[in-house]
Amino acid sequence: MRYMRSIQFIGDRKNWMMNLLWAGIALLVPIVGPLVLDGGSTRSFNRAQRSEHKDYKDFDLNRLTEYLTRGIWPFLVNLIMQAIMMIPMFFSTSCLLLW
């Protein structure tokens, strides 16, 4: 595993500073911002898996709706998995309190 390569990967692009800035701004927007950021990173991850190009495309403001729709699916899967895991935790905690 090349751990340092994961950090250097960000700086490979010419516009890496703007991409990092847009990612930071996206995180400041409540609820929708992280979904957009997840959608953009999912898009880059899928592109890197499908092709020989191991780089990512620049963050494009014209594709915000695409990023948002791609970011909703990981969010929904995460929400469903958390709900499923909360059921046994709720019952085990309530059993301990009653005991």
N, C-alpha and C. Protein backbone atom coordinates (compact mmCIF):
# COMPACT_ATOMS: atom_id res chain seq x y z
N MET A 1 0.85 -1.18 0.00
CA MET A 1 0.00 0.00 0.00
C MET A 1 0.89 1.24 0.00
N ARG A 2 0.60 2.13 -0.90
CA ARG A 2 1.38 3.37 -1.00
C ARG A 2 0.57 4.50 -0.36
N TYR A 3 0.79 4.73 0.90
CA TYR A 3 0.01 5.71 1.64
C TYR A 3 0.31 7.14 1.20
N MET A 4 1.55 7.45 0.96
CA MET A 4 1.91 8.80 0.54
C MET A 4 1.36 9.13 -0.84
N ARG A 5 1.16 8.11 -1.66
CA ARG A 5 0.61 8.35 -3.00
C ARG A 5 -0.81 8.88 -2.91
N SER A 6 -1.56 8.46 -1.90
CA SER A 6 -2.92 8.96 -1.74
C SER A 6 -2.94 10.46 -1.42
N ILE A 7 -1.91 10.95 -0.78
CA ILE A 7 -1.81 12.37 -0.50
C ILE A 7 -1.28 13.12 -1.72
N GLN A 8 -0.31 12.54 -2.41
CA GLN A 8 0.26 13.17 -3.60
C GLN A 8 -0.73 13.19 -4.76
N PHE A 9 -1.69 12.30 -4.74
CA PHE A 9 -2.70 12.20 -5.80
C PHE A 9 -3.46 13.51 -5.97
N ILE A 10 -3.70 14.21 -4.89
CA ILE A 10 -4.44 15.47 -4.94
C ILE A 10 -3.66 16.52 -5.70
N GLY A 11 -2.36 16.57 -5.51
CA GLY A 11 -1.54 17.59 -6.15
C GLY A 11 -1.12 17.30 -7.57
N ASP A 12 -1.59 16.19 -8.14
CA ASP A 12 -1.20 15.84 -9.50
C ASP A 12 -1.79 16.76 -10.56
N ARG A 13 -2.95 17.31 -10.31
CA ARG A 13 -3.62 18.16 -11.29
C ARG A 13 -3.07 19.58 -11.24
N LYS A 14 -3.22 20.28 -12.36
CA LYS A 14 -2.76 21.67 -12.44
C LYS A 14 -3.61 22.57 -11.53
N ASN A 15 -4.92 22.31 -11.45
CA ASN A 15 -5.84 23.13 -10.66
C ASN A 15 -6.15 22.52 -9.30
N TRP A 16 -5.19 21.86 -8.69
CA TRP A 16 -5.46 21.16 -7.44
C TRP A 16 -5.88 22.12 -6.33
N MET A 17 -5.35 23.34 -6.35
CA MET A 17 -5.69 24.30 -5.29
C MET A 17 -7.16 24.72 -5.40
N MET A 18 -7.65 24.95 -6.61
CA MET A 18 -9.06 25.32 -6.80
C MET A 18 -9.97 24.15 -6.44
N ASN A 19 -9.56 22.93 -6.78
CA ASN A 19 -10.35 21.76 -6.42
C ASN A 19 -10.47 21.62 -4.91
N LEU A 20 -9.38 21.85 -4.22
CA LEU A 20 -9.38 21.79 -2.76
C LEU A 20 -10.23 22.91 -2.17
N LEU A 21 -10.17 24.09 -2.77
CA LEU A 21 -10.99 25.21 -2.32
C LEU A 21 -12.48 24.91 -2.51
N TRP A 22 -12.86 24.38 -3.67
CA TRP A 22 -14.28 24.04 -3.91
C TRP A 22 -14.75 22.95 -2.96
N ALA A 23 -13.87 22.00 -2.66
CA ALA A 23 -14.24 20.95 -1.70
C ALA A 23 -14.46 21.54 -0.31
N GLY A 24 -13.63 22.48 0.08
CA GLY A 24 -13.81 23.14 1.38
C GLY A 24 -15.09 23.96 1.44
N ILE A 25 -15.39 24.66 0.35
CA ILE A 25 -16.64 25.42 0.30
C ILE A 25 -17.85 24.50 0.34
N ALA A 26 -17.75 23.36 -0.35
CA ALA A 26 -18.86 22.40 -0.35
C ALA A 26 -19.12 21.87 1.06
N LEU A 27 -18.08 21.69 1.83
CA LEU A 27 -18.26 21.18 3.20
C LEU A 27 -18.91 22.21 4.12
N LEU A 28 -18.82 23.49 3.76
CA LEU A 28 -19.43 24.53 4.58
C LEU A 28 -20.94 24.63 4.39
N VAL A 29 -21.44 24.14 3.26
CA VAL A 29 -22.88 24.19 2.99
C VAL A 29 -23.54 23.02 3.71
N PRO A 30 -24.49 23.28 4.59
CA PRO A 30 -25.10 22.19 5.35
C PRO A 30 -25.89 21.23 4.46
N ILE A 31 -25.84 19.97 4.79
CA ILE A 31 -26.56 18.85 4.19
C ILE A 31 -26.20 18.64 2.71
N VAL A 32 -26.42 19.62 1.86
CA VAL A 32 -26.22 19.44 0.43
C VAL A 32 -24.73 19.42 0.08
N GLY A 33 -23.92 20.18 0.77
CA GLY A 33 -22.49 20.27 0.46
C GLY A 33 -21.76 18.94 0.55
N PRO A 34 -21.89 18.21 1.65
CA PRO A 34 -21.24 16.89 1.71
C PRO A 34 -21.78 15.91 0.67
N LEU A 35 -23.06 16.03 0.31
CA LEU A 35 -23.61 15.16 -0.73
C LEU A 35 -22.95 15.46 -2.07
N VAL A 36 -22.75 16.73 -2.37
CA VAL A 36 -22.08 17.12 -3.61
C VAL A 36 -20.64 16.63 -3.61
N LEU A 37 -19.97 16.78 -2.49
CA LEU A 37 -18.58 16.33 -2.39
C LEU A 37 -18.48 14.81 -2.53
N ASP A 38 -19.39 14.08 -1.92
CA ASP A 38 -19.42 12.63 -2.07
C ASP A 38 -19.68 12.23 -3.51
N GLY A 39 -20.58 12.94 -4.17
CA GLY A 39 -20.88 12.64 -5.56
C GLY A 39 -19.69 12.89 -6.47
N GLY A 40 -18.97 13.96 -6.24
CA GLY A 40 -17.78 14.25 -7.04
C GLY A 40 -16.68 13.23 -6.81
N SER A 41 -16.48 12.83 -5.57
CA SER A 41 -15.44 11.84 -5.30
C SER A 41 -15.85 10.46 -5.80
N THR A 42 -17.13 10.13 -5.75
CA THR A 42 -17.62 8.86 -6.30
C THR A 42 -17.39 8.84 -7.81
N ARG A 43 -17.66 9.96 -8.46
CA ARG A 43 -17.43 10.06 -9.91
C ARG A 43 -15.96 9.84 -10.24
N SER A 44 -15.07 10.46 -9.49
CA SER A 44 -13.64 10.30 -9.73
C SER A 44 -13.18 8.88 -9.45
N PHE A 45 -13.69 8.28 -8.40
CA PHE A 45 -13.32 6.91 -8.05
C PHE A 45 -13.77 5.94 -9.14
N ASN A 46 -15.01 6.10 -9.62
CA ASN A 46 -15.51 5.22 -10.67
C ASN A 46 -14.72 5.39 -11.96
N ARG A 47 -14.36 6.62 -12.28
CA ARG A 47 -13.57 6.88 -13.49
C ARG A 47 -12.20 6.23 -13.38
N ALA A 48 -11.58 6.31 -12.23
CA ALA A 48 -10.26 5.72 -12.05
C ALA A 48 -10.32 4.19 -12.12
N GLN A 49 -11.43 3.61 -11.68
CA GLN A 49 -11.56 2.15 -11.72
C GLN A 49 -11.81 1.63 -13.14
N ARG A 50 -12.53 2.42 -13.95
CA ARG A 50 -12.90 1.96 -15.29
C ARG A 50 -11.83 2.17 -16.34
N SER A 51 -10.91 3.06 -16.14
CA SER A 51 -9.95 3.38 -17.19
C SER A 51 -8.52 3.29 -16.69
N GLU A 52 -7.62 3.45 -17.62
CA GLU A 52 -6.21 3.46 -17.24
C GLU A 52 -5.79 4.79 -16.65
N HIS A 53 -6.63 5.82 -16.84
CA HIS A 53 -6.31 7.14 -16.31
C HIS A 53 -6.49 7.12 -14.79
N LYS A 54 -5.44 7.33 -14.10
CA LYS A 54 -5.51 7.30 -12.64
C LYS A 54 -5.55 8.70 -12.05
N ASP A 55 -6.06 9.65 -12.84
CA ASP A 55 -6.19 11.00 -12.32
C ASP A 55 -7.67 11.33 -12.18
N TYR A 56 -7.96 12.48 -11.71
CA TYR A 56 -9.35 12.89 -11.52
C TYR A 56 -9.60 14.16 -12.32
N LYS A 57 -10.86 14.40 -12.64
CA LYS A 57 -11.21 15.62 -13.36
C LYS A 57 -11.41 16.75 -12.36
N ASP A 58 -11.25 17.96 -12.85
CA ASP A 58 -11.43 19.12 -11.99
C ASP A 58 -12.89 19.26 -11.57
N PHE A 59 -13.08 19.87 -10.42
CA PHE A 59 -14.43 20.13 -9.91
C PHE A 59 -15.10 21.15 -10.83
N ASP A 60 -16.26 20.80 -11.36
CA ASP A 60 -16.95 21.65 -12.33
C ASP A 60 -18.28 22.10 -11.74
N LEU A 61 -18.46 23.40 -11.61
CA LEU A 61 -19.69 23.93 -11.03
C LEU A 61 -20.91 23.65 -11.91
N ASN A 62 -20.71 23.43 -13.19
CA ASN A 62 -21.82 23.13 -14.09
C ASN A 62 -22.38 21.73 -13.87
N ARG A 63 -21.68 20.90 -13.12
CA ARG A 63 -22.11 19.53 -12.88
C ARG A 63 -22.61 19.31 -11.45
N LEU A 64 -23.04 20.36 -10.78
CA LEU A 64 -23.48 20.22 -9.39
C LEU A 64 -24.65 19.27 -9.24
N THR A 65 -25.60 19.30 -10.17
CA THR A 65 -26.74 18.38 -10.06
C THR A 65 -26.31 16.94 -10.25
N GLU A 66 -25.34 16.71 -11.15
CA GLU A 66 -24.83 15.35 -11.32
C GLU A 66 -24.13 14.88 -10.05
N TYR A 67 -23.32 15.76 -9.46
CA TYR A 67 -22.63 15.40 -8.21
C TYR A 67 -23.64 15.13 -7.10
N LEU A 68 -24.70 15.93 -7.05
CA LEU A 68 -25.70 15.75 -6.01
C LEU A 68 -26.44 14.43 -6.17
N THR A 69 -26.83 14.09 -7.40
CA THR A 69 -27.54 12.82 -7.60
C THR A 69 -26.64 11.63 -7.34
N ARG A 70 -25.37 11.74 -7.65
CA ARG A 70 -24.45 10.64 -7.33
C ARG A 70 -24.17 10.55 -5.84
N GLY A 71 -24.23 11.66 -5.15
CA GLY A 71 -23.96 11.67 -3.72
C GLY A 71 -25.13 11.21 -2.87
N ILE A 72 -26.34 11.25 -3.44
CA ILE A 72 -27.52 10.83 -2.68
C ILE A 72 -27.50 9.33 -2.42
N TRP A 73 -27.06 8.54 -3.40
CA TRP A 73 -27.10 7.09 -3.24
C TRP A 73 -26.20 6.58 -2.12
N PRO A 74 -24.94 6.99 -2.03
CA PRO A 74 -24.15 6.55 -0.87
C PRO A 74 -24.74 7.02 0.46
N PHE A 75 -25.34 8.22 0.46
CA PHE A 75 -25.97 8.73 1.66
C PHE A 75 -27.15 7.85 2.08
N LEU A 76 -27.99 7.47 1.12
CA LEU A 76 -29.15 6.63 1.43
C LEU A 76 -28.74 5.25 1.91
N VAL A 77 -27.73 4.67 1.28
CA VAL A 77 -27.24 3.35 1.72
C VAL A 77 -26.71 3.45 3.14
N ASN A 78 -25.96 4.49 3.43
CA ASN A 78 -25.43 4.70 4.77
C ASN A 78 -26.55 4.89 5.79
N LEU A 79 -27.58 5.65 5.41
CA LEU A 79 -28.71 5.88 6.31
C LEU A 79 -29.46 4.59 6.61
N ILE A 80 -29.68 3.78 5.59
CA ILE A 80 -30.39 2.50 5.78
C ILE A 80 -29.56 1.56 6.65
N MET A 81 -28.25 1.49 6.41
CA MET A 81 -27.40 0.62 7.22
C MET A 81 -27.35 1.07 8.68
N GLN A 82 -27.34 2.36 8.90
CA GLN A 82 -27.36 2.85 10.27
C GLN A 82 -28.68 2.51 10.96
N ALA A 83 -29.78 2.63 10.23
CA ALA A 83 -31.08 2.29 10.81
C ALA A 83 -31.14 0.80 11.15
N ILE A 84 -30.60 -0.03 10.29
CA ILE A 84 -30.60 -1.47 10.55
C ILE A 84 -29.74 -1.80 11.77
N MET A 85 -28.61 -1.14 11.90
CA MET A 85 -27.73 -1.40 13.04
C MET A 85 -28.27 -0.83 14.35
N MET A 86 -29.12 0.17 14.27
CA MET A 86 -29.68 0.76 15.49
C MET A 86 -30.72 -0.15 16.15
N ILE A 87 -31.39 -0.99 15.40
CA ILE A 87 -32.42 -1.87 15.96
C ILE A 87 -31.83 -2.81 17.01
N PRO A 88 -30.79 -3.60 16.70
CA PRO A 88 -30.23 -4.46 17.76
C PRO A 88 -29.60 -3.67 18.90
N MET A 89 -29.02 -2.52 18.58
CA MET A 89 -28.42 -1.71 19.64
C MET A 89 -29.49 -1.17 20.58
N PHE A 90 -30.63 -0.79 20.02
CA PHE A 90 -31.73 -0.28 20.84
C PHE A 90 -32.24 -1.37 21.78
N PHE A 91 -32.46 -2.58 21.25
CA PHE A 91 -32.99 -3.65 22.08
C PHE A 91 -31.98 -4.12 23.11
N SER A 92 -30.71 -4.17 22.75
CA SER A 92 -29.71 -4.60 23.74
C SER A 92 -29.57 -3.56 24.86
N THR A 93 -29.65 -2.30 24.53
CA THR A 93 -29.56 -1.25 25.54
C THR A 93 -30.79 -1.25 26.44
N SER A 94 -31.97 -1.42 25.86
CA SER A 94 -33.18 -1.43 26.67
C SER A 94 -33.24 -2.66 27.57
N CYS A 95 -32.71 -3.80 27.08
CA CYS A 95 -32.66 -4.99 27.94
C CYS A 95 -31.72 -4.80 29.12
N LEU A 96 -30.59 -4.13 28.88
CA LEU A 96 -29.66 -3.87 29.96
C LEU A 96 -30.23 -2.91 30.98
N LEU A 97 -31.00 -1.93 30.52
CA LEU A 97 -31.59 -0.98 31.46
C LEU A 97 -32.69 -1.62 32.29
N LEU A 98 -33.42 -2.56 31.71
CA LEU A 98 -34.48 -3.23 32.44
C LEU A 98 -33.94 -4.29 33.40
N TRP A 99 -32.77 -4.79 33.13
CA TRP A 99 -32.20 -5.84 33.94
C TRP A 99 -31.69 -5.25 35.19
